[in-house]
Structures are given as structure tokens and as C-alpha cells.
Amino acid sequence: MWIEIGAKIALNKQKQELLTVLSTLSTGVCNNINPHKYKFN
């Protein structure tokens, strides 16, 4: 029971990290292609 819950939490964390990495990468690529369009700071 607890092992299943722990595994699900770990999987969700990995998914979130992957999504974060992917969005960071895609943002970086967009910044390289068109820096002015995506500059917020």
C-alpha cells in the first residue's frame, strides 16, 4: 500500500521535473530564435 503511494508520488515528481525541463528547453530555443518576442525581464 505505502510502496504504491510512494511510487506514484515519485512518478508524479519525475513527470513534473520532465515537464519543467522540457518547457525550459523550449523557452530557451524560442529565446535563441526570437529573443525579443519572449523577453519578460
C-alpha atoms as a PDB file:
ATOM      1  CA  MET A   1       0.000   0.000   0.000  1.00  0.00           C
ATOM      2  CA  TRP A   2       2.564   2.580   1.119  1.00  0.00           C
ATOM      3  CA  ILE A   3       5.008   1.433  -1.536  1.00  0.00           C
ATOM      4  CA  GLU A   4       2.387   2.059  -4.233  1.00  0.00           C
ATOM      5  CA  ILE A   5       1.683   5.560  -2.903  1.00  0.00           C
ATOM      6  CA  GLY A   6       5.398   6.319  -2.731  1.00  0.00           C
ATOM      7  CA  ALA A   7       5.899   5.074  -6.272  1.00  0.00           C
ATOM      8  CA  LYS A   8       3.022   7.212  -7.550  1.00  0.00           C
ATOM      9  CA  ILE A   9       4.412  10.310  -5.817  1.00  0.00           C
ATOM     10  CA  ALA A  10       7.877   9.619  -7.224  1.00  0.00           C
ATOM     11  CA  LEU A  11       6.435   9.187 -10.726  1.00  0.00           C
ATOM     12  CA  ASN A  12       4.475  12.429 -10.449  1.00  0.00           C
ATOM     13  CA  LYS A  13       7.613  14.262  -9.304  1.00  0.00           C
ATOM     14  CA  GLN A  14       9.578  12.856 -12.238  1.00  0.00           C
ATOM     15  CA  LYS A  15       6.821  13.905 -14.652  1.00  0.00           C
ATOM     16  CA  GLN A  16       6.798  17.429 -13.222  1.00  0.00           C
ATOM     17  CA  GLU A  17      10.586  17.660 -13.468  1.00  0.00           C
ATOM     18  CA  LEU A  18      10.476  16.420 -17.063  1.00  0.00           C
ATOM     19  CA  LEU A  19       7.789  18.958 -17.950  1.00  0.00           C
ATOM     20  CA  THR A  20       9.812  21.716 -16.298  1.00  0.00           C
ATOM     21  CA  VAL A  21      12.949  20.703 -18.184  1.00  0.00           C
ATOM     22  CA  LEU A  22      11.033  20.466 -21.460  1.00  0.00           C
ATOM     23  CA  SER A  23       9.382  23.864 -21.023  1.00  0.00           C
ATOM     24  CA  THR A  24      12.724  25.401 -20.029  1.00  0.00           C
ATOM     25  CA  LEU A  25      14.368  23.882 -23.098  1.00  0.00           C
ATOM     26  CA  SER A  26      11.612  25.007 -25.455  1.00  0.00           C
ATOM     27  CA  THR A  27      11.704  28.505 -23.948  1.00  0.00           C
ATOM     28  CA  GLY A  28      15.469  28.578 -24.411  1.00  0.00           C
ATOM     29  CA  VAL A  29      15.103  27.508 -28.036  1.00  0.00           C
ATOM     30  CA  CYS A  30      12.460  30.189 -28.618  1.00  0.00           C
ATOM     31  CA  ASN A  31      14.716  32.772 -26.980  1.00  0.00           C
ATOM     32  CA  ASN A  32      17.546  31.799 -29.320  1.00  0.00           C
ATOM     33  CA  ILE A  33      15.317  32.035 -32.380  1.00  0.00           C
ATOM     34  CA  ASN A  34      13.449  35.212 -31.440  1.00  0.00           C
ATOM     35  CA  PRO A  35      14.909  36.860 -28.310  1.00  0.00           C
ATOM     36  CA  HIS A  36      12.743  39.983 -28.359  1.00  0.00           C
ATOM     37  CA  LYS A  37       9.422  38.173 -28.506  1.00  0.00           C
ATOM     38  CA  TYR A  38       9.966  36.187 -25.314  1.00  0.00           C
ATOM     39  CA  LYS A  39      11.890  38.621 -23.109  1.00  0.00           C
ATOM     40  CA  PHE A  40       9.903  39.436 -19.989  1.00  0.00           C
ATOM     41  CA  ASN A  41      12.598  40.869 -17.700  1.00  0.00           C
END
